[in-house]
Amino acid sequence: MNTTCLIIDDEKLARELLREFLTVFPQIEILGECSKGTEAIEKIDQLKPDLIFLDVQMPGMNGFDVLDEIVHEPYVIFTTAYDQYAIKAFEKNAVDYLLKPLDQERFKLAVERAILRKKTEVGNIEELLSSMHVSSPRSSYDSHIFVQKSEKLFNLPIEEIMYLEASGDYTVISTKNDQFVSSSGIGKLEEILNPDKFIRVHRSTIVNLSYLKEIERHFNGGMIVKMQNAKTFPVSRTYAKLIRRKVV
């Protein structure tokens, strides 16, 4: 199975180098290039690449702005000359963060990681679909979970969770007054949450409907959910139908 990709960088030489590095991956299909963020948003949602190579600093709109605006959810490998954005990149669930000048061996590792993640997640989805016909809905859900902070385990009522955000292999759990990091992936945590109260709005985000203030429609046809604490999250097209079911 081929992996499609889009190259996004305002520097022509950088785009050419990425194309050259990708020649060793016959399973990677390059769908095109973008030199501006606005162009990238349009092409990502139109072409729906599996993977994007994304520069951070670009004229008019940076790489993080692009990720905030798109509806389609590609895997992301950042390619940039700036190291100060690495933490923010992984908060966006990036596959990797590569610093320019790019090292070819390091680049190959990043691409292999993206291909592996795609293969693993597709396999997990297929496994889930194949098991749905024998699975029955849970009749009850946990009311409390234990979360670790420093050397202590806190007894956290599920109803106090405002939202959960994937961060690599971990999940950040946010309440009104605190945050906790769980070593469980967001998919595993979703299994213990009541779907009548918690909905997934993005591959990397689950929100508690009790703390959802409003939903804004975006210019590109997408949606953004706004929480009571003013935190906002994009709604991917994959999960938008869950919200539309609740519209009366």
C-alpha atoms as a PDB file:
ATOM      1  CA  MET A   1       0.000   0.000   0.000  1.00  0.00           C
ATOM      2  CA  ASN A   2       1.440   3.342  -1.076  1.00  0.00           C
ATOM      3  CA  THR A   3       1.738   6.295   1.296  1.00  0.00           C
ATOM      4  CA  THR A   4       0.835   9.625  -0.273  1.00  0.00           C
ATOM      5  CA  CYS A   5       2.556  12.820   0.809  1.00  0.00           C
ATOM      6  CA  LEU A   6       2.631  16.569   0.300  1.00  0.00           C
ATOM      7  CA  ILE A   7       5.729  18.765   0.641  1.00  0.00           C
ATOM      8  CA  ILE A   8       5.145  22.164   2.262  1.00  0.00           C
ATOM      9  CA  ASP A   9       8.043  24.611   2.406  1.00  0.00           C
ATOM     10  CA  ASP A  10       8.537  28.164   1.164  1.00  0.00           C
ATOM     11  CA  GLU A  11      12.116  27.425   0.022  1.00  0.00           C
ATOM     12  CA  LYS A  12      12.471  25.815  -3.396  1.00  0.00           C
ATOM     13  CA  LEU A  13      15.818  24.188  -2.544  1.00  0.00           C
ATOM     14  CA  ALA A  14      14.289  22.622   0.567  1.00  0.00           C
ATOM     15  CA  ARG A  15      11.444  21.144  -1.493  1.00  0.00           C
ATOM     16  CA  GLU A  16      13.902  19.771  -4.038  1.00  0.00           C
ATOM     17  CA  LEU A  17      15.993  18.178  -1.281  1.00  0.00           C
ATOM     18  CA  LEU A  18      12.938  16.481   0.202  1.00  0.00           C
ATOM     19  CA  ARG A  19      12.050  15.091  -3.218  1.00  0.00           C
ATOM     20  CA  GLU A  20      15.593  13.774  -3.572  1.00  0.00           C
ATOM     21  CA  PHE A  21      15.551  12.127  -0.135  1.00  0.00           C
ATOM     22  CA  LEU A  22      12.201  10.500  -0.926  1.00  0.00           C
ATOM     23  CA  THR A  23      13.526   8.713  -4.023  1.00  0.00           C
ATOM     24  CA  VAL A  24      14.705   5.835  -1.815  1.00  0.00           C
ATOM     25  CA  PHE A  25      11.090   5.201  -0.794  1.00  0.00           C
ATOM     26  CA  PRO A  26       9.247   3.729  -3.814  1.00  0.00           C
ATOM     27  CA  GLN A  27       6.149   3.295  -1.618  1.00  0.00           C
ATOM     28  CA  ILE A  28       5.922   7.070  -1.084  1.00  0.00           C
ATOM     29  CA  GLU A  29       3.838   8.906  -3.694  1.00  0.00           C
ATOM     30  CA  ILE A  30       4.372  12.680  -3.818  1.00  0.00           C
ATOM     31  CA  LEU A  31       1.071  14.394  -4.606  1.00  0.00           C
ATOM     32  CA  GLY A  32       2.517  17.872  -4.900  1.00  0.00           C
ATOM     33  CA  GLU A  33       4.242  20.843  -3.272  1.00  0.00           C
ATOM     34  CA  CYS A  34       3.142  24.033  -1.528  1.00  0.00           C
ATOM     35  CA  SER A  35       5.113  27.170  -0.765  1.00  0.00           C
ATOM     36  CA  LYS A  36       2.460  28.988   1.281  1.00  0.00           C
ATOM     37  CA  GLY A  37       0.246  28.059   4.209  1.00  0.00           C
ATOM     38  CA  THR A  38      -3.015  29.069   2.517  1.00  0.00           C
ATOM     39  CA  GLU A  39      -2.161  26.915  -0.471  1.00  0.00           C
ATOM     40  CA  ALA A  40      -1.255  24.046   1.862  1.00  0.00           C
ATOM     41  CA  ILE A  41      -4.652  24.132   3.606  1.00  0.00           C
ATOM     42  CA  GLU A  42      -6.475  23.892   0.284  1.00  0.00           C
ATOM     43  CA  LYS A  43      -4.307  21.059  -1.053  1.00  0.00           C
ATOM     44  CA  ILE A  44      -4.320  19.040   2.161  1.00  0.00           C
ATOM     45  CA  ASP A  45      -8.114  19.010   2.346  1.00  0.00           C
ATOM     46  CA  GLN A  46      -8.428  18.439  -1.394  1.00  0.00           C
ATOM     47  CA  LEU A  47      -5.765  15.763  -1.937  1.00  0.00           C
ATOM     48  CA  LYS A  48      -5.938  14.171   1.550  1.00  0.00           C
ATOM     49  CA  PRO A  49      -2.306  13.010   1.744  1.00  0.00           C
ATOM     50  CA  ASP A  50      -1.375  10.361   4.287  1.00  0.00           C
ATOM     51  CA  LEU A  51       1.721  12.352   5.270  1.00  0.00           C
ATOM     52  CA  ILE A  52       2.917  15.951   5.028  1.00  0.00           C
ATOM     53  CA  PHE A  53       6.408  17.398   5.370  1.00  0.00           C
ATOM     54  CA  LEU A  54       5.750  20.758   6.983  1.00  0.00           C
ATOM     55  CA  ASP A  55       7.972  23.786   7.516  1.00  0.00           C
ATOM     56  CA  VAL A  56       7.184  25.976  10.528  1.00  0.00           C
ATOM     57  CA  GLN A  57       8.078  29.470   9.346  1.00  0.00           C
ATOM     58  CA  MET A  58       6.375  30.452   6.097  1.00  0.00           C
ATOM     59  CA  PRO A  59       5.083  33.780   4.745  1.00  0.00           C
ATOM     60  CA  GLY A  60       1.668  34.786   6.050  1.00  0.00           C
ATOM     61  CA  MET A  61       0.770  31.589   7.878  1.00  0.00           C
ATOM     62  CA  ASN A  62       3.058  29.254   9.805  1.00  0.00           C
ATOM     63  CA  GLY A  63       2.918  25.478   9.967  1.00  0.00           C
ATOM     64  CA  PHE A  64       0.919  25.375  13.194  1.00  0.00           C
ATOM     65  CA  ASP A  65      -1.689  27.707  11.695  1.00  0.00           C
ATOM     66  CA  VAL A  66      -2.023  25.258   8.816  1.00  0.00           C
ATOM     67  CA  LEU A  67      -2.688  22.353  11.188  1.00  0.00           C
ATOM     68  CA  ASP A  68      -5.311  24.401  13.038  1.00  0.00           C
ATOM     69  CA  GLU A  69      -7.210  25.113   9.830  1.00  0.00           C
ATOM     70  CA  ILE A  70      -7.260  21.767   8.038  1.00  0.00           C
ATOM     71  CA  VAL A  71     -10.060  19.223   8.294  1.00  0.00           C
ATOM     72  CA  HIS A  72      -8.160  16.233   6.916  1.00  0.00           C
ATOM     73  CA  GLU A  73      -5.736  14.671   9.419  1.00  0.00           C
ATOM     74  CA  PRO A  74      -2.412  13.651   7.852  1.00  0.00           C
ATOM     75  CA  TYR A  75       0.636  12.381   9.683  1.00  0.00           C
ATOM     76  CA  VAL A  76       3.068  15.273  10.113  1.00  0.00           C
ATOM     77  CA  ILE A  77       6.856  15.440   9.914  1.00  0.00           C
ATOM     78  CA  PHE A  78       8.107  18.944  10.664  1.00  0.00           C
ATOM     79  CA  THR A  79      11.165  20.098   8.704  1.00  0.00           C
ATOM     80  CA  THR A  80      12.449  23.398  10.050  1.00  0.00           C
ATOM     81  CA  ALA A  81      15.507  25.412  10.998  1.00  0.00           C
ATOM     82  CA  TYR A  82      14.017  26.361  14.371  1.00  0.00           C
ATOM     83  CA  ASP A  83      14.388  24.053  17.356  1.00  0.00           C
ATOM     84  CA  GLN A  84      12.215  26.060  19.781  1.00  0.00           C
ATOM     85  CA  TYR A  85       8.964  24.674  18.371  1.00  0.00           C
ATOM     86  CA  ALA A  86       9.677  20.998  19.028  1.00  0.00           C
ATOM     87  CA  ILE A  87       7.481  20.686  22.128  1.00  0.00           C
ATOM     88  CA  LYS A  88       4.562  22.373  20.408  1.00  0.00           C
ATOM     89  CA  ALA A  89       5.050  20.088  17.408  1.00  0.00           C
ATOM     90  CA  PHE A  90       4.706  16.952  19.495  1.00  0.00           C
ATOM     91  CA  GLU A  91       1.687  18.431  21.249  1.00  0.00           C
ATOM     92  CA  LYS A  92       0.183  18.426  17.758  1.00  0.00           C
ATOM     93  CA  ASN A  93       0.905  14.690  17.627  1.00  0.00           C
ATOM     94  CA  ALA A  94       3.682  15.066  15.043  1.00  0.00           C
ATOM     95  CA  VAL A  95       5.445  11.911  13.913  1.00  0.00           C
ATOM     96  CA  ASP A  96       8.834  13.630  14.012  1.00  0.00           C
ATOM     97  CA  TYR A  97      10.606  16.994  14.121  1.00  0.00           C
ATOM     98  CA  LEU A  98      13.626  17.374  11.849  1.00  0.00           C
ATOM     99  CA  LEU A  99      16.039  20.273  11.979  1.00  0.00           C
ATOM    100  CA  LYS A 100      17.609  21.812   8.890  1.00  0.00           C
ATOM    101  CA  PRO A 101      20.054  21.171   7.390  1.00  0.00           C
ATOM    102  CA  LEU A 102      18.413  17.785   7.037  1.00  0.00           C
ATOM    103  CA  ASP A 103      20.432  14.640   7.614  1.00  0.00           C
ATOM    104  CA  GLN A 104      19.453  11.917   5.158  1.00  0.00           C
ATOM    105  CA  GLU A 105      19.755   9.019   7.597  1.00  0.00           C
ATOM    106  CA  ARG A 106      17.728  10.865  10.216  1.00  0.00           C
ATOM    107  CA  PHE A 107      15.170  11.694   7.529  1.00  0.00           C
ATOM    108  CA  LYS A 108      14.881   8.021   6.575  1.00  0.00           C
ATOM    109  CA  LEU A 109      14.162   7.092  10.189  1.00  0.00           C
ATOM    110  CA  ALA A 110      11.393   9.688  10.368  1.00  0.00           C
ATOM    111  CA  VAL A 111       9.726   8.451   7.180  1.00  0.00           C
ATOM    112  CA  GLU A 112       9.968   4.824   8.306  1.00  0.00           C
ATOM    113  CA  ARG A 113       8.354   5.847  11.582  1.00  0.00           C
ATOM    114  CA  ALA A 114       5.467   7.495   9.728  1.00  0.00           C
ATOM    115  CA  ILE A 115       4.949   4.453   7.498  1.00  0.00           C
ATOM    116  CA  LEU A 116       4.957   2.174  10.533  1.00  0.00           C
ATOM    117  CA  ARG A 117       2.473   4.369  12.413  1.00  0.00           C
ATOM    118  CA  LYS A 118       0.126   4.376   9.437  1.00  0.00           C
ATOM    119  CA  LYS A 119       0.369   0.596   9.080  1.00  0.00           C
ATOM    120  CA  THR A 120      -0.236   0.083  12.808  1.00  0.00           C
ATOM    121  CA  GLU A 121      -3.215   2.440  13.036  1.00  0.00           C
ATOM    122  CA  VAL A 122      -4.842   1.045   9.898  1.00  0.00           C
ATOM    123  CA  GLY A 123      -4.393  -2.426  11.342  1.00  0.00           C
ATOM    124  CA  ASN A 124      -5.975  -1.371  14.618  1.00  0.00           C
ATOM    125  CA  ILE A 125      -8.972   0.115  12.806  1.00  0.00           C
ATOM    126  CA  GLU A 126      -9.451  -3.036  10.745  1.00  0.00           C
ATOM    127  CA  GLU A 127      -9.252  -5.136  13.893  1.00  0.00           C
ATOM    128  CA  LEU A 128     -11.839  -2.910  15.581  1.00  0.00           C
ATOM    129  CA  LEU A 129     -14.226  -3.127  12.625  1.00  0.00           C
ATOM    130  CA  SER A 130     -13.913  -6.896  12.466  1.00  0.00           C
ATOM    131  CA  SER A 131     -14.764  -7.215  16.148  1.00  0.00           C
ATOM    132  CA  MET A 132     -17.738  -4.852  16.183  1.00  0.00           C
ATOM    133  CA  HIS A 133     -20.272  -7.519  15.223  1.00  0.00           C
ATOM    134  CA  VAL A 134     -19.479  -9.549  18.359  1.00  0.00           C
ATOM    135  CA  SER A 135     -19.041  -6.655  20.746  1.00  0.00           C
ATOM    136  CA  SER A 136     -21.847  -5.300  22.889  1.00  0.00           C
ATOM    137  CA  PRO A 137     -22.084  -1.792  24.330  1.00  0.00           C
ATOM    138  CA  ARG A 138     -20.968  -1.388  27.900  1.00  0.00           C
ATOM    139  CA  SER A 139     -23.836  -1.070  30.332  1.00  0.00           C
ATOM    140  CA  SER A 140     -21.790   0.992  32.788  1.00  0.00           C
ATOM    141  CA  TYR A 141     -18.690   3.157  32.780  1.00  0.00           C
ATOM    142  CA  ASP A 142     -16.066   3.998  35.385  1.00  0.00           C
ATOM    143  CA  SER A 143     -16.923   6.954  37.591  1.00  0.00           C
ATOM    144  CA  HIS A 144     -13.326   7.473  38.814  1.00  0.00           C
ATOM    145  CA  ILE A 145      -9.804   6.804  37.582  1.00  0.00           C
ATOM    146  CA  PHE A 146      -6.424   7.027  39.289  1.00  0.00           C
ATOM    147  CA  VAL A 147      -3.977   9.448  37.678  1.00  0.00           C
ATOM    148  CA  GLN A 148      -0.366  10.030  38.632  1.00  0.00           C
ATOM    149  CA  LYS A 149       1.238  13.341  39.458  1.00  0.00           C
ATOM    150  CA  SER A 150       4.711  13.500  40.998  1.00  0.00           C
ATOM    151  CA  GLU A 151       4.842  10.493  43.301  1.00  0.00           C
ATOM    152  CA  LYS A 152       1.127  10.443  44.113  1.00  0.00           C
ATOM    153  CA  LEU A 153      -1.933   8.801  42.624  1.00  0.00           C
ATOM    154  CA  PHE A 154      -5.001  11.032  42.551  1.00  0.00           C
ATOM    155  CA  ASN A 155      -8.541   9.704  42.602  1.00  0.00           C
ATOM    156  CA  LEU A 156     -10.034  11.687  39.736  1.00  0.00           C
ATOM    157  CA  PRO A 157     -13.806  11.704  39.129  1.00  0.00           C
ATOM    158  CA  ILE A 158     -14.456  11.166  35.429  1.00  0.00           C
ATOM    159  CA  GLU A 159     -17.049  13.955  35.424  1.00  0.00           C
ATOM    160  CA  GLU A 160     -14.314  16.508  36.268  1.00  0.00           C
ATOM    161  CA  ILE A 161     -12.376  15.790  33.068  1.00  0.00           C
ATOM    162  CA  MET A 162     -12.868  18.630  30.583  1.00  0.00           C
ATOM    163  CA  TYR A 163     -10.906  17.174  27.675  1.00  0.00           C
ATOM    164  CA  LEU A 164      -8.160  14.713  26.759  1.00  0.00           C
ATOM    165  CA  GLU A 165      -5.370  15.394  24.252  1.00  0.00           C
ATOM    166  CA  ALA A 166      -3.018  12.882  22.671  1.00  0.00           C
ATOM    167  CA  SER A 167       0.667  13.700  23.040  1.00  0.00           C
ATOM    168  CA  GLY A 168       2.703  11.050  21.289  1.00  0.00           C
ATOM    169  CA  ASP A 169       2.157   7.784  23.147  1.00  0.00           C
ATOM    170  CA  TYR A 170       0.769   9.651  26.165  1.00  0.00           C
ATOM    171  CA  THR A 171      -2.485  11.470  26.921  1.00  0.00           C
ATOM    172  CA  VAL A 172      -2.852  14.822  28.679  1.00  0.00           C
ATOM    173  CA  ILE A 173      -5.995  14.898  30.847  1.00  0.00           C
ATOM    174  CA  SER A 174      -7.260  18.383  31.712  1.00  0.00           C
ATOM    175  CA  THR A 175      -9.699  19.425  34.431  1.00  0.00           C
ATOM    176  CA  LYS A 176     -10.757  22.939  35.413  1.00  0.00           C
ATOM    177  CA  ASN A 177      -7.806  23.376  37.754  1.00  0.00           C
ATOM    178  CA  ASP A 178      -5.201  20.786  36.851  1.00  0.00           C
ATOM    179  CA  GLN A 179      -3.559  18.603  34.227  1.00  0.00           C
ATOM    180  CA  PHE A 180      -2.385  15.002  34.400  1.00  0.00           C
ATOM    181  CA  VAL A 181      -0.314  12.915  32.001  1.00  0.00           C
ATOM    182  CA  SER A 182      -1.402   9.333  31.445  1.00  0.00           C
ATOM    183  CA  SER A 183       0.841   6.681  29.937  1.00  0.00           C
ATOM    184  CA  SER A 184      -2.259   5.207  28.277  1.00  0.00           C
ATOM    185  CA  GLY A 185      -3.010   6.174  24.699  1.00  0.00           C
ATOM    186  CA  ILE A 186      -6.090   8.252  23.978  1.00  0.00           C
ATOM    187  CA  GLY A 187      -7.776   5.318  22.240  1.00  0.00           C
ATOM    188  CA  LYS A 188      -7.464   3.149  25.330  1.00  0.00           C
ATOM    189  CA  LEU A 189      -8.857   5.896  27.561  1.00  0.00           C
ATOM    190  CA  GLU A 190     -11.758   6.445  25.176  1.00  0.00           C
ATOM    191  CA  GLU A 191     -12.907   2.890  25.911  1.00  0.00           C
ATOM    192  CA  ILE A 192     -13.631   3.716  29.562  1.00  0.00           C
ATOM    193  CA  LEU A 193     -15.503   6.956  28.831  1.00  0.00           C
ATOM    194  CA  ASN A 194     -19.265   7.142  28.398  1.00  0.00           C
ATOM    195  CA  PRO A 195     -19.867   8.096  24.726  1.00  0.00           C
ATOM    196  CA  ASP A 196     -23.043   9.925  25.755  1.00  0.00           C
ATOM    197  CA  LYS A 197     -20.883  12.387  27.702  1.00  0.00           C
ATOM    198  CA  PHE A 198     -17.499  12.305  25.958  1.00  0.00           C
ATOM    199  CA  ILE A 199     -17.103  12.682  22.205  1.00  0.00           C
ATOM    200  CA  ARG A 200     -14.038  12.491  20.017  1.00  0.00           C
ATOM    201  CA  VAL A 201     -13.709  15.575  17.843  1.00  0.00           C
ATOM    202  CA  HIS A 202     -10.292  14.808  16.395  1.00  0.00           C
ATOM    203  CA  ARG A 203      -7.863  11.910  16.212  1.00  0.00           C
ATOM    204  CA  SER A 204      -5.999  13.541  19.084  1.00  0.00           C
ATOM    205  CA  THR A 205      -8.862  15.106  21.100  1.00  0.00           C
ATOM    206  CA  ILE A 206     -11.802  13.960  23.235  1.00  0.00           C
ATOM    207  CA  VAL A 207     -14.055  16.527  24.939  1.00  0.00           C
ATOM    208  CA  ASN A 208     -16.573  16.339  27.765  1.00  0.00           C
ATOM    209  CA  LEU A 209     -19.909  17.668  26.481  1.00  0.00           C
ATOM    210  CA  SER A 210     -20.651  19.095  29.919  1.00  0.00           C
ATOM    211  CA  TYR A 211     -17.851  21.629  29.419  1.00  0.00           C
ATOM    212  CA  LEU A 212     -18.469  22.359  25.739  1.00  0.00           C
ATOM    213  CA  LYS A 213     -19.680  25.955  25.399  1.00  0.00           C
ATOM    214  CA  GLU A 214     -20.278  26.373  21.681  1.00  0.00           C
ATOM    215  CA  ILE A 215     -19.445  25.162  18.194  1.00  0.00           C
ATOM    216  CA  GLU A 216     -18.273  27.525  15.467  1.00  0.00           C
ATOM    217  CA  ARG A 217     -18.567  26.806  11.770  1.00  0.00           C
ATOM    218  CA  HIS A 218     -15.367  27.618   9.911  1.00  0.00           C
ATOM    219  CA  PHE A 219     -14.836  29.270   6.554  1.00  0.00           C
ATOM    220  CA  ASN A 220     -13.584  26.031   4.944  1.00  0.00           C
ATOM    221  CA  GLY A 221     -16.675  24.063   5.968  1.00  0.00           C
ATOM    222  CA  GLY A 222     -15.128  22.651   9.128  1.00  0.00           C
ATOM    223  CA  MET A 223     -16.088  23.200  12.734  1.00  0.00           C
ATOM    224  CA  ILE A 224     -14.351  24.300  15.925  1.00  0.00           C
ATOM    225  CA  VAL A 225     -15.525  23.424  19.432  1.00  0.00           C
ATOM    226  CA  LYS A 226     -15.022  25.993  22.158  1.00  0.00           C
ATOM    227  CA  MET A 227     -14.821  24.858  25.768  1.00  0.00           C
ATOM    228  CA  GLN A 228     -15.981  26.801  28.831  1.00  0.00           C
ATOM    229  CA  ASN A 229     -12.386  27.785  29.602  1.00  0.00           C
ATOM    230  CA  ALA A 230     -12.046  29.282  26.064  1.00  0.00           C
ATOM    231  CA  LYS A 231      -9.857  26.414  24.824  1.00  0.00           C
ATOM    232  CA  THR A 232     -10.697  25.555  21.212  1.00  0.00           C
ATOM    233  CA  PHE A 233     -10.259  22.384  19.179  1.00  0.00           C
ATOM    234  CA  PRO A 234     -10.767  21.721  15.458  1.00  0.00           C
ATOM    235  CA  VAL A 235     -13.348  19.099  14.562  1.00  0.00           C
ATOM    236  CA  SER A 236     -12.134  16.719  11.899  1.00  0.00           C
ATOM    237  CA  ARG A 237     -14.508  15.584   9.177  1.00  0.00           C
ATOM    238  CA  THR A 238     -14.207  12.034  10.483  1.00  0.00           C
ATOM    239  CA  TYR A 239     -15.836  12.930  13.799  1.00  0.00           C
ATOM    240  CA  ALA A 240     -18.080  15.834  12.712  1.00  0.00           C
ATOM    241  CA  LYS A 241     -21.008  13.467  12.191  1.00  0.00           C
ATOM    242  CA  LEU A 242     -21.019  12.662  15.933  1.00  0.00           C
ATOM    243  CA  ILE A 243     -21.691  16.317  16.666  1.00  0.00           C
ATOM    244  CA  ARG A 244     -24.269  16.724  13.914  1.00  0.00           C
ATOM    245  CA  ARG A 245     -26.324  13.924  15.457  1.00  0.00           C
ATOM    246  CA  LYS A 246     -26.816  16.113  18.517  1.00  0.00           C
ATOM    247  CA  VAL A 247     -28.042  19.117  16.529  1.00  0.00           C
ATOM    248  CA  VAL A 248     -31.818  19.602  16.982  1.00  0.00           C
END
